[in-house]
Amino acid sequence: IFDTPYSSMFLFTSFDPCLNAFDVGWTLMENASLELDSLRLNIEHENGFSEFITADIDQDGLLYDVVSGPGTYCLELYAYYPNGDIATSNQICTFAAPIPQLEYYQISNVTNTGNSTRIEWIAEDEDAIKEFEVTGVDSDGQNVWNSGVVDFNTIVIPFVEDPVNWEESAGLVDYVVTFKNNCDFSFSTEAFSNIYLKLTVDDNSIAFFEWQSQTPNYITPSEYILYKVEGQNEQTLIQNFNTSTSGYYQLSADELREQGLRFKVERIAEFEDISSGLLTTISSYSNTVQYTPEIKLVLPNAIKPNGKNNVFKPVLVSGNVQSYVLNIYDRYGQLLFESQNIENGWKGKKELEFFPAGVYSYTILVVDVQGLEYEYTGVLTL
């Protein structure tokens, strides 16, 4: 009982589970700003935690971040007078439980499967995810692929596949996974790219491989391996390159004539799970590049029917022949011989009778498996 009359003060509050905070407001007694010395908000948790927060006299509310986890919180406002008197508001007790938050999220691998690029990820609290979206951006900053918004409840495994950017010409693509929680807050991973492999072959039949990739700091590459791909089989050609961006391989004579010769690179790396700190070894594969050699023929300039070099036919050094026509003419332009089999050459005779010694001309038309035509003309001495 005070010796002067006092009006009441009133406390009200609401809990925002998305912000994980109490929005606290109050109305004070009449002339409070003139008569009061200070205000303090008292918060008590059911586990015994309590806290006082000082507020300005002119303040009519504050936002209190919940720090003690879910449970029942009781809030009460204390008003202090200069003479030592204390007035209290109504007390509000309410249960507070925040919506699950997405604490850790990261792409764990981007790898080529043979007909798509697979983007894999991990997330610390999957209950916090409502939906996700994966985007791929090329080196010019242009969006080249988008998964669209996917309801997280519709997937059972944490990856999606980009069926567009996996071929030899696709280039380097940076992928980012963006998650949304039930409060529509967005969380985006660091960018993680595919391994983009390119192949060139010089005149000495040396295959030069170059590859690009962008990985976050939690990925540590340790080894690169070159494979030759033959159907469903893979043959290891080089176990580890001296650099992490390029390498070379000497093509054999058989490989120069092989149809559909394909290569790919594997990267062995350590992946660090940021939430646990654990290291995992992962394998990532590049796109597959195909080597289609140009047609190269070596042609003799003379044959001797009774000698070692007794047949005129080309030696196929490289390339894959789809069709072939050889024509032999005499000095008057008369057609003497025709063959559509590269192994069937001219022996300088018709049936059992040899043609006269002298100079003859030839034309060769070769079409490779890509449909490219190669023409050869020249003369030979019989």
Protein backbone atom coordinates (compact mmCIF):
# COMPACT_ATOMS: atom_id res chain seq x y z
CA ILE A 1 0.00 0.00 0.00
CA PHE A 2 1.59 3.22 -1.18
CA ASP A 3 0.80 6.63 0.20
CA THR A 4 0.03 7.96 -3.28
CA PRO A 5 -2.26 6.44 -5.94
CA TYR A 6 -0.75 4.50 -8.84
CA SER A 7 -2.32 3.35 -12.09
CA SER A 8 -1.54 -0.16 -13.44
CA MET A 9 0.91 -1.10 -16.19
CA PHE A 10 0.21 -3.87 -18.70
CA LEU A 11 2.58 -6.38 -20.40
CA PHE A 12 1.83 -8.23 -23.65
CA THR A 13 3.99 -10.49 -25.83
CA SER A 14 4.04 -12.91 -28.78
CA PHE A 15 6.58 -15.53 -29.84
CA ASP A 16 7.90 -15.68 -33.42
CA PRO A 17 9.18 -19.24 -34.09
CA CYS A 18 10.92 -18.15 -37.31
CA LEU A 19 12.95 -15.46 -35.55
CA ASN A 20 13.11 -17.57 -32.38
CA ALA A 21 12.29 -14.43 -30.38
CA PHE A 22 9.65 -12.85 -28.14
CA ASP A 23 8.16 -9.57 -29.31
CA VAL A 24 7.49 -7.89 -25.95
CA GLY A 25 5.46 -4.69 -25.48
CA TRP A 26 3.96 -2.80 -22.57
CA THR A 27 1.93 0.21 -21.47
CA LEU A 28 3.04 2.13 -18.38
CA MET A 29 1.18 4.00 -15.70
CA GLU A 30 0.26 7.66 -16.05
CA ASN A 31 3.22 10.08 -15.93
CA ALA A 32 5.60 7.10 -15.81
CA SER A 33 8.31 8.91 -17.78
CA LEU A 34 8.32 11.69 -15.16
CA GLU A 35 8.04 9.56 -12.05
CA LEU A 36 9.97 6.32 -12.77
CA ASP A 37 13.68 5.83 -12.35
CA SER A 38 14.16 2.68 -14.48
CA LEU A 39 12.50 -0.33 -16.14
CA ARG A 40 13.66 -3.95 -16.14
CA LEU A 41 12.13 -6.95 -17.91
CA ASN A 42 12.48 -10.22 -16.04
CA ILE A 43 12.60 -13.49 -18.07
CA GLU A 44 12.57 -16.88 -16.38
CA HIS A 45 12.86 -20.30 -18.06
CA GLU A 46 11.41 -23.48 -16.65
CA ASN A 47 14.92 -24.94 -16.34
CA GLY A 48 15.83 -22.27 -13.75
CA PHE A 49 17.51 -19.77 -16.08
CA SER A 50 16.57 -16.14 -15.37
CA GLU A 51 17.65 -12.82 -16.80
CA PHE A 52 16.94 -9.12 -16.26
CA ILE A 53 17.01 -6.74 -19.23
CA THR A 54 17.13 -3.00 -18.63
CA ALA A 55 14.86 -0.84 -20.82
CA ASP A 56 14.64 2.91 -21.32
CA ILE A 57 11.75 4.75 -19.69
CA ASP A 58 10.61 6.02 -23.09
CA GLN A 59 10.76 2.50 -24.56
CA ASP A 60 7.47 0.67 -25.12
CA GLY A 61 8.80 -2.76 -26.12
CA LEU A 62 11.77 -4.89 -27.18
CA LEU A 63 12.69 -8.08 -29.06
CA TYR A 64 14.09 -10.86 -26.88
CA ASP A 65 16.08 -13.63 -28.60
CA VAL A 66 15.46 -17.03 -27.04
CA VAL A 67 18.77 -18.49 -25.90
CA SER A 68 17.79 -21.30 -23.54
CA GLY A 69 16.09 -23.62 -25.98
CA PRO A 70 12.44 -24.69 -26.06
CA GLY A 71 10.32 -24.59 -22.94
CA THR A 72 8.05 -22.35 -20.91
CA TYR A 73 9.18 -18.75 -20.41
CA CYS A 74 7.64 -16.37 -17.85
CA LEU A 75 7.98 -12.62 -18.49
CA GLU A 76 7.26 -9.76 -16.07
CA LEU A 77 8.04 -6.02 -16.14
CA TYR A 78 9.49 -4.22 -13.09
CA ALA A 79 9.21 -0.43 -12.66
CA TYR A 80 11.52 1.29 -10.13
CA TYR A 81 10.76 4.62 -8.43
CA PRO A 82 13.42 6.94 -7.09
CA ASN A 83 12.19 6.41 -3.52
CA GLY A 84 12.73 2.64 -3.79
CA ASP A 85 9.17 1.61 -4.56
CA ILE A 86 8.73 -1.15 -7.16
CA ALA A 87 5.71 -1.77 -9.35
CA THR A 88 5.17 -4.91 -11.38
CA SER A 89 3.13 -5.73 -14.45
CA ASN A 90 1.06 -8.79 -15.09
CA GLN A 91 3.13 -11.94 -15.64
CA ILE A 92 2.90 -13.87 -18.92
CA CYS A 93 4.02 -17.50 -19.14
CA THR A 94 4.13 -19.11 -22.57
CA PHE A 95 5.75 -22.07 -24.30
CA ALA A 96 8.35 -21.27 -26.96
CA ALA A 97 9.79 -23.74 -29.49
CA PRO A 98 11.76 -22.46 -32.49
CA ILE A 99 11.32 -23.91 -35.97
CA PRO A 100 14.27 -26.20 -36.84
CA GLN A 101 17.12 -24.17 -38.30
CA LEU A 102 19.44 -25.23 -41.12
CA GLU A 103 22.80 -25.03 -39.38
CA TYR A 104 25.13 -26.71 -41.91
CA TYR A 105 24.68 -27.27 -45.63
CA GLN A 106 27.24 -27.91 -48.35
CA ILE A 107 27.65 -29.58 -51.75
CA SER A 108 29.61 -32.79 -51.24
CA ASN A 109 30.32 -33.75 -54.86
CA VAL A 110 29.72 -32.83 -58.50
CA THR A 111 30.48 -35.72 -60.83
CA ASN A 112 29.71 -37.00 -64.32
CA THR A 113 27.62 -40.18 -64.46
CA GLY A 114 27.96 -40.80 -68.20
CA ASN A 115 24.68 -39.17 -69.22
CA SER A 116 24.24 -36.39 -66.66
CA THR A 117 26.04 -34.28 -64.07
CA ARG A 118 25.15 -35.32 -60.51
CA ILE A 119 25.10 -32.70 -57.74
CA GLU A 120 25.19 -34.19 -54.23
CA TRP A 121 24.89 -32.38 -50.89
CA ILE A 122 24.57 -32.82 -47.14
CA ALA A 123 22.44 -30.81 -44.70
CA GLU A 124 22.69 -30.88 -40.92
CA ASP A 125 18.97 -30.75 -40.11
CA GLU A 126 16.76 -32.03 -42.91
CA ASP A 127 13.64 -31.26 -40.85
CA ALA A 128 14.45 -27.60 -41.40
CA ILE A 129 14.21 -27.90 -45.21
CA LYS A 130 10.92 -27.19 -46.96
CA GLU A 131 12.21 -26.98 -50.54
CA PHE A 132 15.38 -26.57 -52.56
CA GLU A 133 16.55 -25.40 -55.96
CA VAL A 134 19.78 -26.11 -57.87
CA THR A 135 21.16 -23.67 -60.44
CA GLY A 136 24.09 -24.02 -62.83
CA VAL A 137 25.97 -20.94 -64.05
CA ASP A 138 28.56 -20.90 -66.84
CA SER A 139 31.83 -18.95 -66.93
CA ASP A 140 30.02 -15.92 -68.39
CA GLY A 141 27.62 -15.80 -65.45
CA GLN A 142 24.69 -17.06 -67.50
CA ASN A 143 22.21 -19.56 -66.05
CA VAL A 144 22.54 -22.74 -68.09
CA TRP A 145 20.45 -25.09 -65.97
CA ASN A 146 17.90 -24.98 -63.18
CA SER A 147 16.27 -27.86 -61.33
CA GLY A 148 13.21 -25.79 -60.52
CA VAL A 149 11.83 -25.60 -56.98
CA VAL A 150 11.63 -29.11 -55.54
CA ASP A 151 9.55 -30.06 -52.49
CA PHE A 152 12.05 -31.64 -50.13
CA ASN A 153 9.50 -34.23 -49.00
CA THR A 154 9.37 -35.70 -52.52
CA ILE A 155 13.00 -36.87 -52.61
CA VAL A 156 14.58 -39.77 -50.79
CA ILE A 157 18.25 -39.20 -51.71
CA PRO A 158 20.17 -35.92 -51.44
CA PHE A 159 21.15 -35.26 -55.06
CA VAL A 160 19.81 -34.10 -58.39
CA GLU A 161 21.11 -34.66 -61.92
CA ASP A 162 21.65 -32.10 -64.66
CA PRO A 163 21.07 -33.92 -67.97
CA VAL A 164 22.12 -30.91 -70.05
CA ASN A 165 25.67 -29.98 -69.06
CA TRP A 166 27.57 -33.24 -69.19
CA GLU A 167 28.79 -33.50 -72.80
CA GLU A 168 32.19 -32.52 -74.13
CA SER A 169 31.02 -29.08 -75.28
CA ALA A 170 29.15 -28.12 -72.10
CA GLY A 171 32.05 -26.24 -70.50
CA LEU A 172 32.63 -25.34 -66.87
CA VAL A 173 29.43 -24.98 -64.83
CA ASP A 174 29.23 -23.75 -61.22
CA TYR A 175 26.38 -25.32 -59.23
CA VAL A 176 24.71 -23.81 -56.16
CA VAL A 177 22.01 -25.42 -54.01
CA THR A 178 19.57 -22.99 -52.35
CA PHE A 179 17.44 -24.33 -49.49
CA LYS A 180 14.33 -22.76 -47.96
CA ASN A 181 13.06 -23.55 -44.49
CA ASN A 182 9.47 -23.41 -43.27
CA CYS A 183 9.85 -19.70 -42.61
CA ASP A 184 10.92 -19.13 -46.25
CA PHE A 185 14.43 -18.13 -45.22
CA SER A 186 16.97 -18.97 -47.95
CA PHE A 187 20.34 -20.67 -47.39
CA SER A 188 22.75 -21.08 -50.33
CA THR A 189 25.78 -23.37 -50.55
CA GLU A 190 29.17 -22.37 -51.92
CA ALA A 191 29.62 -22.86 -55.66
CA PHE A 192 30.99 -26.25 -56.76
CA SER A 193 31.73 -26.97 -60.43
CA ASN A 194 31.96 -30.00 -62.66
CA ILE A 195 35.32 -31.20 -64.04
CA TYR A 196 35.45 -29.97 -67.62
CA LEU A 197 37.89 -31.97 -69.78
CA LYS A 198 39.24 -30.93 -73.20
CA LEU A 199 41.42 -32.95 -75.62
CA THR A 200 43.77 -31.97 -78.45
CA VAL A 201 46.10 -34.24 -80.43
CA ASP A 202 49.25 -32.95 -82.16
CA ASP A 203 51.00 -34.18 -85.31
CA ASN A 204 53.12 -36.57 -83.23
CA SER A 205 50.02 -38.39 -81.99
CA ILE A 206 50.38 -37.03 -78.46
CA ALA A 207 47.04 -36.46 -76.73
CA PHE A 208 47.02 -33.35 -74.54
CA PHE A 209 44.40 -33.21 -71.80
CA GLU A 210 43.34 -30.04 -70.00
CA TRP A 211 40.67 -29.82 -67.34
CA GLN A 212 39.08 -27.12 -65.22
CA SER A 213 37.20 -27.33 -61.96
CA GLN A 214 36.22 -25.04 -59.10
CA THR A 215 35.91 -26.51 -55.62
CA PRO A 216 35.19 -24.94 -52.20
CA ASN A 217 37.89 -24.81 -49.54
CA TYR A 218 36.54 -27.92 -47.82
CA ILE A 219 37.57 -30.06 -50.83
CA THR A 220 41.25 -31.09 -51.07
CA PRO A 221 42.19 -32.86 -54.36
CA SER A 222 44.92 -35.47 -53.95
CA GLU A 223 45.11 -37.42 -57.24
CA TYR A 224 44.00 -37.32 -60.88
CA ILE A 225 43.64 -40.50 -62.96
CA LEU A 226 43.24 -40.81 -66.75
CA TYR A 227 41.02 -43.60 -68.11
CA LYS A 228 40.39 -44.95 -71.58
CA VAL A 229 36.71 -45.84 -71.89
CA GLU A 230 35.77 -48.83 -74.02
CA GLY A 231 32.05 -49.57 -73.78
CA GLN A 232 31.36 -50.44 -70.15
CA ASN A 233 35.04 -51.08 -69.47
CA GLU A 234 37.62 -48.59 -68.26
CA GLN A 235 41.37 -48.94 -68.60
CA THR A 236 43.69 -46.91 -66.36
CA LEU A 237 46.28 -45.14 -68.50
CA ILE A 238 47.94 -42.74 -66.06
CA GLN A 239 47.57 -43.16 -62.30
CA ASN A 240 48.55 -39.64 -61.28
CA PHE A 241 49.46 -36.55 -63.27
CA ASN A 242 52.26 -34.21 -62.27
CA THR A 243 49.84 -31.26 -62.29
CA SER A 244 46.25 -30.77 -61.27
CA THR A 245 45.12 -29.12 -64.51
CA SER A 246 46.69 -30.95 -67.46
CA GLY A 247 48.53 -34.01 -68.75
CA TYR A 248 49.47 -35.86 -71.92
CA TYR A 249 49.39 -39.40 -73.29
CA GLN A 250 51.12 -40.95 -76.33
CA LEU A 251 48.56 -42.63 -78.58
CA SER A 252 49.53 -46.03 -79.93
CA ALA A 253 49.26 -47.04 -83.60
CA ASP A 254 46.19 -49.14 -82.80
CA GLU A 255 44.53 -46.28 -80.90
CA LEU A 256 45.06 -43.97 -83.88
CA ARG A 257 42.86 -46.29 -85.92
CA GLU A 258 40.38 -47.11 -83.17
CA GLN A 259 36.80 -46.01 -83.65
CA GLY A 260 35.08 -44.12 -80.82
CA LEU A 261 38.19 -43.72 -78.67
CA ARG A 262 37.10 -41.99 -75.44
CA PHE A 263 38.82 -40.69 -72.31
CA LYS A 264 37.86 -39.27 -68.93
CA VAL A 265 39.59 -38.03 -65.78
CA GLU A 266 38.84 -38.98 -62.19
CA ARG A 267 39.69 -36.73 -59.25
CA ILE A 268 40.31 -38.30 -55.85
CA ALA A 269 39.78 -35.77 -53.05
CA GLU A 270 39.11 -35.45 -49.36
CA PHE A 271 35.77 -33.91 -48.40
CA GLU A 272 35.44 -32.27 -44.97
CA ASP A 273 32.01 -32.40 -43.37
CA ILE A 274 31.84 -28.94 -41.80
CA SER A 275 29.32 -30.02 -39.15
CA SER A 276 31.37 -32.94 -37.84
CA GLY A 277 34.87 -32.15 -39.07
CA LEU A 278 35.16 -35.68 -40.47
CA LEU A 279 37.10 -36.33 -43.70
CA THR A 280 35.69 -38.56 -46.42
CA THR A 281 37.38 -39.66 -49.65
CA ILE A 282 35.29 -38.88 -52.72
CA SER A 283 35.67 -39.60 -56.43
CA SER A 284 34.58 -37.11 -59.07
CA TYR A 285 34.55 -37.79 -62.82
CA SER A 286 34.90 -35.43 -65.74
CA ASN A 287 32.91 -35.42 -68.93
CA THR A 288 34.03 -38.02 -71.48
CA VAL A 289 35.94 -36.71 -74.51
CA GLN A 290 36.10 -38.63 -77.77
CA TYR A 291 39.05 -38.69 -80.14
CA THR A 292 38.10 -39.09 -83.78
CA PRO A 293 41.36 -39.05 -85.75
CA GLU A 294 41.75 -37.54 -89.19
CA ILE A 295 42.38 -39.89 -92.10
CA LYS A 296 46.09 -40.15 -92.81
CA LEU A 297 47.38 -42.39 -95.61
CA VAL A 298 50.93 -43.23 -96.65
CA LEU A 299 51.16 -44.10 -100.37
CA PRO A 300 54.01 -45.80 -102.26
CA ASN A 301 55.27 -44.12 -105.42
CA ALA A 302 56.35 -47.32 -107.18
CA ILE A 303 55.67 -51.07 -107.22
CA LYS A 304 57.58 -54.00 -108.67
CA PRO A 305 55.39 -57.03 -109.40
CA ASN A 306 58.23 -59.49 -108.83
CA GLY A 307 59.72 -57.63 -105.85
CA LYS A 308 58.84 -57.08 -102.22
CA ASN A 309 56.74 -54.01 -102.88
CA ASN A 310 54.45 -55.69 -105.38
CA VAL A 311 51.02 -54.18 -104.52
CA PHE A 312 49.89 -50.57 -104.66
CA LYS A 313 47.68 -49.83 -101.69
CA PRO A 314 47.72 -47.16 -98.99
CA VAL A 315 48.86 -47.70 -95.42
CA LEU A 316 46.25 -46.34 -93.01
CA VAL A 317 48.18 -44.42 -90.34
CA SER A 318 45.19 -42.94 -88.53
CA GLY A 319 41.47 -42.53 -88.88
CA ASN A 320 38.42 -44.71 -89.33
CA VAL A 321 37.32 -45.45 -92.87
CA GLN A 322 33.63 -45.59 -93.68
CA SER A 323 33.98 -45.87 -97.48
CA TYR A 324 36.92 -46.10 -99.86
CA VAL A 325 37.44 -46.03 -103.63
CA LEU A 326 40.76 -46.53 -105.45
CA ASN A 327 41.05 -46.00 -109.24
CA ILE A 328 44.15 -46.71 -111.38
CA TYR A 329 44.51 -45.10 -114.83
CA ASP A 330 46.97 -45.45 -117.68
CA ARG A 331 48.64 -42.48 -119.35
CA TYR A 332 45.64 -42.05 -121.64
CA GLY A 333 43.13 -41.81 -118.76
CA GLN A 334 41.70 -45.27 -119.27
CA LEU A 335 40.46 -46.91 -116.04
CA LEU A 336 42.48 -50.08 -115.42
CA PHE A 337 41.56 -51.00 -111.88
CA GLU A 338 39.00 -50.12 -109.17
CA SER A 339 38.79 -51.23 -105.55
CA GLN A 340 36.40 -50.38 -102.71
CA ASN A 341 38.38 -52.32 -100.12
CA ILE A 342 41.42 -50.59 -98.64
CA GLU A 343 43.09 -53.98 -98.23
CA ASN A 344 42.61 -54.86 -101.90
CA GLY A 345 45.39 -53.13 -103.84
CA TRP A 346 46.61 -53.04 -107.47
CA LYS A 347 49.16 -55.70 -108.41
CA GLY A 348 50.00 -54.16 -111.76
CA LYS A 349 48.32 -56.84 -113.82
CA LYS A 350 45.06 -57.88 -115.32
CA GLU A 351 44.27 -61.48 -114.57
CA LEU A 352 47.66 -63.15 -115.29
CA GLU A 353 49.13 -60.54 -117.64
CA PHE A 354 51.21 -57.65 -116.26
CA PHE A 355 50.76 -54.15 -117.56
CA PRO A 356 53.76 -52.53 -119.26
CA ALA A 357 56.35 -50.83 -117.13
CA GLY A 358 55.80 -47.11 -116.93
CA VAL A 359 53.95 -44.34 -115.12
CA TYR A 360 50.32 -44.69 -114.04
CA SER A 361 48.02 -42.34 -112.15
CA TYR A 362 45.64 -42.94 -109.27
CA THR A 363 42.79 -41.30 -107.41
CA ILE A 364 41.61 -42.25 -103.93
CA LEU A 365 38.42 -41.04 -102.24
CA VAL A 366 38.03 -41.85 -98.55
CA VAL A 367 35.08 -40.95 -96.30
CA ASP A 368 35.58 -41.23 -92.54
CA VAL A 369 33.00 -42.09 -89.87
CA GLN A 370 32.10 -38.41 -89.48
CA GLY A 371 31.28 -38.14 -93.17
CA LEU A 372 34.37 -36.08 -94.00
CA GLU A 373 35.86 -36.71 -97.45
CA TYR A 374 39.58 -37.03 -98.21
CA GLU A 375 40.88 -37.04 -101.79
CA TYR A 376 44.31 -38.22 -102.89
CA THR A 377 45.73 -38.05 -106.43
CA GLY A 378 49.16 -38.89 -107.74
CA VAL A 379 51.32 -41.03 -109.98
CA LEU A 380 53.19 -44.28 -109.44
CA THR A 381 55.80 -46.13 -111.38
CA LEU A 382 55.29 -49.75 -112.34
